[in-house]
Amino acid sequence: MANGEKRIFYFLGTAPHHIIHALPIYRKLGGEFIVLSKEGRQLCEKENVNCRMLDEYPESTESYDFSKVANTIRYLNGQKGVIFFFQTFNIVSQLHSLKRIMLFHGNSLKDFWFADRKIPVLNKFDHIASLGPDRESVMLKKGVDPEKIVRIGMPRWDEIIRNAGATKNQELIFDKLGLKKKRIVTYVPTWWPPYSVEDLGKEIVKNISPDHILIFRPHPDTPAALIREYEVLIAKKHNVIYVPEGRFKEIDLTTLLAVSDIFIVDMSSIMTDIILTGKPMIFAFGEHKNRELYRESYAPTEERLAPIKEIFGKSEKIYMNNVDKINEIIGSASNVAIDPGARNAVKKRLFYNLEGDATEKLVEFVEGILK
């Protein structure tokens, strides 16, 4: 590092798919991505960004054995500047020379985002970019230092906000399947509860009619055995396409939001991204093997859904007992517009910066730190 030069780093660790949240900033500021897996290095190479892997950590975890990432810690502690995180990796507590900024990788309503074990880690950051008023209030109640919070929003939302309501580039999907224009329905389940992918999603694939195109985009952490079950089902359906993260360079998450006419969601954080598009959603709730734990800790209760109550209350729902009517439900959901006032109430509750310039504001903030 020449003459104490201040640099910018993006810590992907064992979650390289979070690169999508860093790219808008990288394109403005440059810098270097830090990864802990060959998969992460390959993804960086695919995106043509600067990347460094000093340790290999095979486990997918937020809590590292520091002795196994000693080279990474040593390298970063020899730098000056800023490092971005997109998940609460405990390695942040070992970094002392860089200004540490948390940019959450999604605006999730799931309880685990601010679980008690995460608060001490969050408080190790120098700055935390708060996503919106509702999630900020949860952080503050849990004990996050209010002095650390920066009300900027998420750079990845900028393009979504600018394209709100637009449906475009659908030919990408039609061409992949060799089909003419049909309504495109995208199913984007999470893997962390409350999820639908374990059971209900398979019934959605089985029951979807040839009148629709179904895009299946699972969470990157969905178990491989479960994905194989979906691949077998999808192979029997000419109108269903499996689009995991990174499979098609021209069909990234932002593109999926643009090409889709309607979405099937559960409690994935992408559900809140879809709210920004203004497009219809259908909520999917499956059965769960440990039903008692699910009811106590993860079930979509009125309290958990309160931030989106105006939209949730007017949206269609799919359960195991009505999934055979999925095509009728899609038609109904497509014909029901959520009241603009209700949608705006939810957006103001969930998001800071609805002007679509979060990247510019964050760049300005970082440049101030680097002076």
Protein backbone atom coordinates (compact mmCIF):
# COMPACT_ATOMS: atom_id res chain seq x y z
CA MET A 1 0.00 0.00 0.00
CA ALA A 2 1.80 3.11 -1.22
CA ASN A 3 1.94 6.23 0.93
CA GLY A 4 -0.97 5.20 3.15
CA GLU A 5 -3.36 5.09 0.18
CA LYS A 6 -6.98 4.59 1.20
CA ARG A 7 -8.76 1.82 -0.65
CA ILE A 8 -12.21 0.22 -0.90
CA PHE A 9 -12.98 -3.43 -0.21
CA TYR A 10 -16.11 -5.57 -0.49
CA PHE A 11 -16.21 -8.60 1.80
CA LEU A 12 -18.17 -11.47 0.23
CA GLY A 13 -16.65 -14.20 2.37
CA THR A 14 -18.63 -17.42 2.03
CA ALA A 15 -21.62 -15.71 0.36
CA PRO A 16 -20.27 -14.76 -3.08
CA HIS A 17 -23.80 -14.39 -4.52
CA HIS A 18 -24.03 -11.13 -2.57
CA ILE A 19 -21.86 -9.57 -5.26
CA ILE A 20 -25.06 -8.23 -6.87
CA HIS A 21 -25.44 -5.82 -3.95
CA ALA A 22 -21.90 -4.50 -4.33
CA LEU A 23 -21.70 -4.02 -8.08
CA PRO A 24 -23.52 -0.64 -8.26
CA ILE A 25 -20.97 0.80 -5.80
CA TYR A 26 -17.99 -0.93 -7.41
CA ARG A 27 -18.89 0.55 -10.80
CA LYS A 28 -18.60 4.02 -9.26
CA LEU A 29 -15.73 3.58 -6.81
CA GLY A 30 -13.75 0.52 -7.90
CA GLY A 31 -11.91 -1.43 -5.24
CA GLU A 32 -11.30 -5.10 -4.45
CA PHE A 33 -13.57 -8.02 -3.54
CA ILE A 34 -12.50 -10.37 -0.74
CA VAL A 35 -13.69 -13.97 -1.08
CA LEU A 36 -13.05 -17.22 0.78
CA SER A 37 -13.90 -19.78 -1.86
CA LYS A 38 -13.00 -20.80 -5.40
CA GLU A 39 -16.66 -20.28 -6.27
CA GLY A 40 -16.37 -16.68 -5.13
CA ARG A 41 -13.23 -16.13 -7.16
CA GLN A 42 -14.87 -17.59 -10.26
CA LEU A 43 -17.90 -15.36 -9.81
CA CYS A 44 -15.67 -12.29 -9.51
CA GLU A 45 -13.82 -13.30 -12.66
CA LYS A 46 -17.15 -13.72 -14.44
CA GLU A 47 -18.13 -10.19 -13.41
CA ASN A 48 -14.67 -8.89 -14.36
CA VAL A 49 -13.98 -7.29 -10.98
CA ASN A 50 -10.79 -7.14 -8.90
CA CYS A 51 -10.71 -10.02 -6.46
CA ARG A 52 -8.48 -11.57 -3.80
CA MET A 53 -8.69 -14.95 -2.05
CA LEU A 54 -6.09 -15.43 0.70
CA ASP A 55 -7.81 -18.21 2.66
CA GLU A 56 -10.23 -20.93 1.64
CA TYR A 57 -13.14 -21.51 4.02
CA PRO A 58 -15.37 -24.37 2.86
CA GLU A 59 -18.22 -23.88 5.32
CA SER A 60 -21.18 -21.60 4.63
CA THR A 61 -21.36 -19.69 7.88
CA GLU A 62 -21.45 -16.23 9.41
CA SER A 63 -19.18 -17.21 12.33
CA TYR A 64 -15.64 -17.99 11.25
CA ASP A 65 -12.86 -19.75 13.08
CA PHE A 66 -10.46 -16.81 12.97
CA SER A 67 -7.39 -19.07 12.82
CA LYS A 68 -8.60 -20.29 9.41
CA VAL A 69 -8.88 -16.77 7.97
CA ALA A 70 -5.69 -15.39 9.49
CA ASN A 71 -4.18 -14.38 6.13
CA THR A 72 -7.32 -12.43 5.22
CA ILE A 73 -7.38 -10.66 8.58
CA ARG A 74 -3.69 -9.81 8.37
CA TYR A 75 -4.04 -8.44 4.85
CA LEU A 76 -7.07 -6.27 5.60
CA ASN A 77 -5.52 -4.92 8.80
CA GLY A 78 -2.61 -3.70 6.70
CA GLN A 79 -4.96 -1.50 4.66
CA LYS A 80 -6.59 1.89 5.12
CA GLY A 81 -9.94 2.95 3.73
CA VAL A 82 -13.42 1.38 3.72
CA ILE A 83 -14.75 -2.16 3.72
CA PHE A 84 -18.35 -3.07 2.91
CA PHE A 85 -20.15 -6.08 4.36
CA PHE A 86 -23.48 -7.51 3.18
CA GLN A 87 -23.94 -10.04 5.97
CA THR A 88 -23.11 -10.14 9.69
CA PHE A 89 -19.85 -12.07 9.39
CA ASN A 90 -18.12 -12.14 12.77
CA ILE A 91 -14.75 -11.41 11.12
CA VAL A 92 -15.72 -7.73 11.30
CA SER A 93 -14.65 -7.75 14.97
CA GLN A 94 -11.07 -8.56 13.91
CA LEU A 95 -10.69 -5.65 11.50
CA HIS A 96 -9.30 -2.47 13.03
CA SER A 97 -7.74 -0.25 10.39
CA LEU A 98 -10.62 0.00 7.87
CA LYS A 99 -13.91 1.84 8.31
CA ARG A 100 -16.50 -0.95 8.36
CA ILE A 101 -19.85 -0.35 6.67
CA MET A 102 -22.79 -2.76 6.80
CA LEU A 103 -25.04 -2.85 3.73
CA PHE A 104 -27.67 -5.51 4.33
CA HIS A 105 -28.23 -7.87 1.41
CA GLY A 106 -32.00 -7.56 1.63
CA ASN A 107 -34.85 -5.76 3.33
CA SER A 108 -36.17 -8.88 5.04
CA LEU A 109 -39.09 -9.16 7.46
CA LYS A 110 -37.72 -12.42 8.84
CA ASP A 111 -36.84 -12.35 12.54
CA PHE A 112 -33.34 -13.77 12.13
CA TRP A 113 -32.06 -10.52 10.59
CA PHE A 114 -31.93 -8.94 14.04
CA ALA A 115 -31.62 -12.02 16.24
CA ASP A 116 -30.00 -11.30 19.61
CA ARG A 117 -26.76 -13.02 18.55
CA LYS A 118 -26.39 -10.59 15.63
CA ILE A 119 -26.64 -7.34 17.58
CA PRO A 120 -23.11 -7.48 19.10
CA VAL A 121 -21.75 -8.07 15.59
CA LEU A 122 -23.76 -5.18 14.14
CA ASN A 123 -22.40 -2.89 16.83
CA LYS A 124 -18.85 -3.65 15.67
CA PHE A 125 -19.52 -1.74 12.44
CA ASP A 126 -18.59 1.91 12.18
CA HIS A 127 -21.64 2.64 10.00
CA ILE A 128 -24.85 0.74 9.24
CA ALA A 129 -26.90 1.72 6.20
CA SER A 130 -30.46 1.54 7.45
CA LEU A 131 -32.91 0.16 4.90
CA GLY A 132 -36.04 1.93 6.07
CA PRO A 133 -37.96 3.22 9.11
CA ASP A 134 -39.51 -0.12 10.08
CA ARG A 135 -36.28 -2.13 10.11
CA GLU A 136 -34.46 0.75 11.79
CA SER A 137 -36.97 0.74 14.63
CA VAL A 138 -36.36 -3.00 15.13
CA MET A 139 -32.59 -2.44 15.22
CA LEU A 140 -32.91 0.32 17.78
CA LYS A 141 -35.18 -1.76 20.01
CA LYS A 142 -32.64 -4.57 19.86
CA GLY A 143 -29.83 -2.29 21.01
CA VAL A 144 -28.03 -1.16 17.86
CA ASP A 145 -26.16 2.10 18.48
CA PRO A 146 -28.24 4.86 16.78
CA GLU A 147 -25.06 6.87 16.12
CA LYS A 148 -23.95 4.21 13.64
CA ILE A 149 -27.05 4.40 11.43
CA VAL A 150 -26.88 6.09 8.02
CA ARG A 151 -30.20 6.57 6.20
CA ILE A 152 -29.19 5.87 2.63
CA GLY A 153 -31.06 2.77 1.48
CA MET A 154 -29.71 0.08 -0.85
CA PRO A 155 -27.89 0.92 -4.12
CA ARG A 156 -29.39 -2.13 -5.83
CA TRP A 157 -32.84 -0.53 -5.50
CA ASP A 158 -31.92 2.40 -7.75
CA GLU A 159 -32.51 0.58 -11.03
CA ILE A 160 -35.67 -1.09 -9.70
CA ILE A 161 -37.09 2.28 -8.70
CA ARG A 162 -36.23 3.82 -12.06
CA ASN A 163 -37.93 0.92 -13.88
CA ALA A 164 -40.95 0.71 -11.56
CA GLY A 165 -44.00 -0.70 -13.34
CA ALA A 166 -42.14 -1.49 -16.55
CA THR A 167 -42.24 -4.95 -18.10
CA LYS A 168 -39.50 -5.36 -20.69
CA ASN A 169 -36.95 -7.71 -22.26
CA GLN A 170 -39.37 -10.65 -22.05
CA GLU A 171 -37.89 -12.00 -25.29
CA LEU A 172 -34.97 -13.25 -23.19
CA ILE A 173 -37.32 -15.78 -21.59
CA PHE A 174 -39.39 -16.54 -24.69
CA ASP A 175 -36.22 -17.33 -26.63
CA LYS A 176 -34.80 -19.58 -23.90
CA LEU A 177 -37.97 -21.70 -23.92
CA GLY A 178 -38.77 -21.37 -27.60
CA LEU A 179 -42.22 -20.01 -26.79
CA LYS A 180 -44.29 -17.09 -27.99
CA LYS A 181 -45.57 -14.38 -25.69
CA LYS A 182 -47.31 -15.62 -22.56
CA ARG A 183 -47.78 -14.23 -19.06
CA ILE A 184 -44.49 -14.65 -17.15
CA VAL A 185 -44.84 -15.73 -13.52
CA THR A 186 -41.69 -15.79 -11.38
CA TYR A 187 -41.49 -17.91 -8.24
CA VAL A 188 -38.79 -16.61 -5.86
CA PRO A 189 -38.83 -18.58 -2.60
CA THR A 190 -36.46 -18.17 0.30
CA TRP A 191 -34.80 -21.05 2.09
CA TRP A 192 -34.84 -19.69 5.65
CA PRO A 193 -38.33 -20.03 7.23
CA PRO A 194 -41.05 -19.20 6.57
CA TYR A 195 -40.44 -20.84 3.21
CA SER A 196 -42.59 -22.59 0.61
CA VAL A 197 -39.91 -24.27 -1.49
CA GLU A 198 -39.83 -27.52 0.48
CA ASP A 199 -43.30 -28.64 -0.54
CA LEU A 200 -45.71 -26.09 -1.96
CA GLY A 201 -43.32 -24.94 -4.68
CA LYS A 202 -43.15 -28.41 -6.19
CA GLU A 203 -46.95 -28.43 -6.43
CA ILE A 204 -46.85 -25.03 -8.14
CA VAL A 205 -44.51 -26.45 -10.80
CA LYS A 206 -46.71 -29.52 -11.26
CA ASN A 207 -49.95 -27.53 -11.57
CA ILE A 208 -48.86 -24.54 -13.67
CA SER A 209 -50.66 -24.62 -17.00
CA PRO A 210 -49.11 -24.18 -20.47
CA ASP A 211 -50.93 -20.83 -20.61
CA HIS A 212 -48.20 -19.35 -18.39
CA ILE A 213 -44.42 -19.32 -18.31
CA LEU A 214 -43.04 -20.07 -14.85
CA ILE A 215 -39.55 -18.94 -13.84
CA PHE A 216 -38.13 -20.75 -10.82
CA ARG A 217 -35.44 -18.73 -9.05
CA PRO A 218 -34.55 -20.36 -5.71
CA HIS A 219 -32.44 -18.92 -2.93
CA PRO A 220 -28.73 -19.76 -3.50
CA ASP A 221 -28.64 -21.70 -0.19
CA THR A 222 -31.45 -24.07 -1.16
CA PRO A 223 -30.16 -27.64 -0.55
CA ALA A 224 -28.83 -29.38 -3.65
CA ALA A 225 -31.00 -32.46 -3.06
CA LEU A 226 -34.13 -30.31 -3.16
CA ILE A 227 -32.95 -28.52 -6.30
CA ARG A 228 -32.50 -31.90 -7.99
CA GLU A 229 -36.15 -32.69 -7.23
CA TYR A 230 -37.17 -29.47 -8.95
CA GLU A 231 -34.95 -30.21 -11.94
CA VAL A 232 -36.74 -33.53 -12.45
CA LEU A 233 -40.14 -31.81 -12.32
CA ILE A 234 -39.08 -28.93 -14.57
CA ALA A 235 -37.70 -31.33 -17.19
CA LYS A 236 -41.28 -32.50 -17.73
CA LYS A 237 -42.64 -28.95 -18.23
CA HIS A 238 -41.81 -27.12 -21.45
CA ASN A 239 -43.09 -23.81 -20.02
CA VAL A 240 -40.99 -23.80 -16.83
CA ILE A 241 -37.40 -22.50 -16.67
CA TYR A 242 -34.90 -22.85 -13.83
CA VAL A 243 -32.94 -19.60 -13.45
CA PRO A 244 -30.62 -19.84 -10.43
CA GLU A 245 -28.27 -17.02 -9.56
CA GLY A 246 -25.51 -16.84 -12.17
CA ARG A 247 -26.83 -19.43 -14.62
CA PHE A 248 -27.60 -16.89 -17.34
CA LYS A 249 -25.44 -13.77 -17.32
CA GLU A 250 -28.11 -11.83 -19.22
CA ILE A 251 -30.85 -12.79 -16.71
CA ASP A 252 -29.79 -11.42 -13.33
CA LEU A 253 -32.11 -10.52 -10.48
CA THR A 254 -32.85 -7.01 -11.76
CA THR A 255 -33.69 -8.43 -15.18
CA LEU A 256 -36.09 -10.93 -13.60
CA LEU A 257 -37.92 -8.08 -11.91
CA ALA A 258 -38.30 -6.39 -15.30
CA VAL A 259 -39.37 -9.39 -17.40
CA SER A 260 -41.98 -10.74 -14.98
CA ASP A 261 -45.68 -9.92 -15.07
CA ILE A 262 -46.45 -11.36 -11.64
CA PHE A 263 -44.56 -12.95 -8.74
CA ILE A 264 -45.11 -15.81 -6.32
CA VAL A 265 -43.30 -15.03 -3.05
CA ASP A 266 -43.00 -16.14 0.54
CA MET A 267 -40.88 -14.20 3.04
CA SER A 268 -37.73 -13.78 0.98
CA SER A 269 -36.30 -10.27 1.06
CA ILE A 270 -36.86 -10.11 -2.69
CA MET A 271 -40.53 -9.74 -1.79
CA THR A 272 -39.82 -6.20 -0.62
CA ASP A 273 -37.87 -5.50 -3.83
CA ILE A 274 -40.95 -6.55 -5.81
CA ILE A 275 -43.03 -4.02 -3.87
CA LEU A 276 -40.88 -1.33 -5.53
CA THR A 277 -41.86 -2.60 -8.98
CA GLY A 278 -45.58 -2.13 -8.34
CA LYS A 279 -46.30 -5.56 -9.88
CA PRO A 280 -48.78 -8.10 -8.44
CA MET A 281 -47.68 -10.69 -5.89
CA ILE A 282 -49.15 -13.98 -4.71
CA PHE A 283 -48.05 -15.14 -1.25
CA ALA A 284 -47.17 -18.83 -0.89
CA PHE A 285 -47.24 -20.63 2.47
CA GLY A 286 -46.34 -24.31 2.67
CA GLU A 287 -46.45 -27.01 5.31
CA HIS A 288 -43.43 -27.67 7.50
CA LYS A 289 -41.98 -30.79 9.07
CA ASN A 290 -41.53 -29.22 12.51
CA ARG A 291 -44.94 -27.57 12.72
CA GLU A 292 -44.68 -26.57 16.40
CA LEU A 293 -41.38 -24.73 15.91
CA TYR A 294 -42.77 -23.15 12.75
CA ARG A 295 -45.87 -21.82 14.50
CA GLU A 296 -43.83 -20.45 17.41
CA SER A 297 -40.92 -18.91 15.54
CA TYR A 298 -41.57 -18.48 11.84
CA ALA A 299 -45.24 -18.56 10.92
CA PRO A 300 -46.42 -15.45 9.01
CA THR A 301 -48.26 -13.90 11.94
CA GLU A 302 -50.10 -10.58 11.92
CA GLU A 303 -47.22 -9.00 13.85
CA ARG A 304 -44.56 -10.20 11.42
CA LEU A 305 -46.60 -9.09 8.43
CA ALA A 306 -47.57 -5.71 9.90
CA PRO A 307 -45.03 -3.74 7.78
CA ILE A 308 -46.76 -4.95 4.57
CA LYS A 309 -50.32 -5.35 5.87
CA GLU A 310 -51.92 -3.08 3.24
CA ILE A 311 -50.44 -5.12 0.39
CA PHE A 312 -50.69 -8.53 2.02
CA GLY A 313 -54.35 -8.03 2.84
CA LYS A 314 -55.25 -7.42 -0.81
CA SER A 315 -53.00 -10.07 -2.35
CA GLU A 316 -53.89 -13.63 -3.32
CA LYS A 317 -52.50 -16.52 -1.23
CA ILE A 318 -51.57 -20.09 -2.13
CA TYR A 319 -51.60 -22.99 0.36
CA MET A 320 -51.36 -26.73 -0.10
CA ASN A 321 -55.15 -26.96 -0.03
CA ASN A 322 -55.71 -24.61 -2.99
CA VAL A 323 -52.55 -25.00 -5.10
CA ASP A 324 -54.51 -27.04 -7.66
CA LYS A 325 -56.24 -23.72 -8.46
CA ILE A 326 -52.93 -21.93 -9.07
CA ASN A 327 -53.83 -20.87 -12.62
CA GLU A 328 -57.12 -19.29 -11.55
CA ILE A 329 -55.30 -17.57 -8.67
CA ILE A 330 -52.71 -16.14 -11.08
CA GLY A 331 -55.50 -14.77 -13.27
CA SER A 332 -57.26 -13.21 -10.29
CA ALA A 333 -54.07 -11.67 -8.91
CA SER A 334 -53.21 -10.20 -12.32
CA ASN A 335 -56.55 -8.42 -12.47
CA VAL A 336 -56.45 -6.86 -9.00
CA ALA A 337 -54.44 -3.66 -8.62
CA ILE A 338 -53.23 -2.71 -5.15
CA ASP A 339 -54.46 0.73 -4.20
CA PRO A 340 -51.61 3.24 -4.81
CA GLY A 341 -52.14 4.76 -1.39
CA ALA A 342 -51.76 1.37 0.29
CA ARG A 343 -48.64 0.57 -1.72
CA ASN A 344 -47.09 3.95 -0.92
CA ALA A 345 -47.79 3.46 2.79
CA VAL A 346 -45.86 0.19 2.71
CA LYS A 347 -43.00 1.67 0.68
CA LYS A 348 -42.57 4.60 3.07
CA ARG A 349 -42.51 2.16 5.98
CA LEU A 350 -39.94 -0.18 4.44
CA PHE A 351 -37.61 2.06 2.44
CA TYR A 352 -35.39 5.08 2.78
CA ASN A 353 -34.66 6.94 -0.46
CA LEU A 354 -37.37 6.28 -3.01
CA GLU A 355 -35.77 8.69 -5.50
CA GLY A 356 -33.45 6.06 -6.94
CA ASP A 357 -30.17 7.78 -6.08
CA ALA A 358 -28.92 5.67 -3.17
CA THR A 359 -25.71 4.82 -5.04
CA GLU A 360 -24.83 8.48 -5.53
CA LYS A 361 -25.54 9.25 -1.87
CA LEU A 362 -23.46 6.32 -0.68
CA VAL A 363 -20.58 7.26 -2.98
CA GLU A 364 -20.67 10.79 -1.57
CA PHE A 365 -20.68 9.39 1.99
CA VAL A 366 -17.70 7.11 1.28
CA GLU A 367 -15.73 9.83 -0.46
CA GLY A 368 -16.16 11.90 2.69
CA ILE A 369 -14.64 9.09 4.76
CA LEU A 370 -11.73 8.71 2.35
CA LYS A 371 -10.70 12.38 2.47
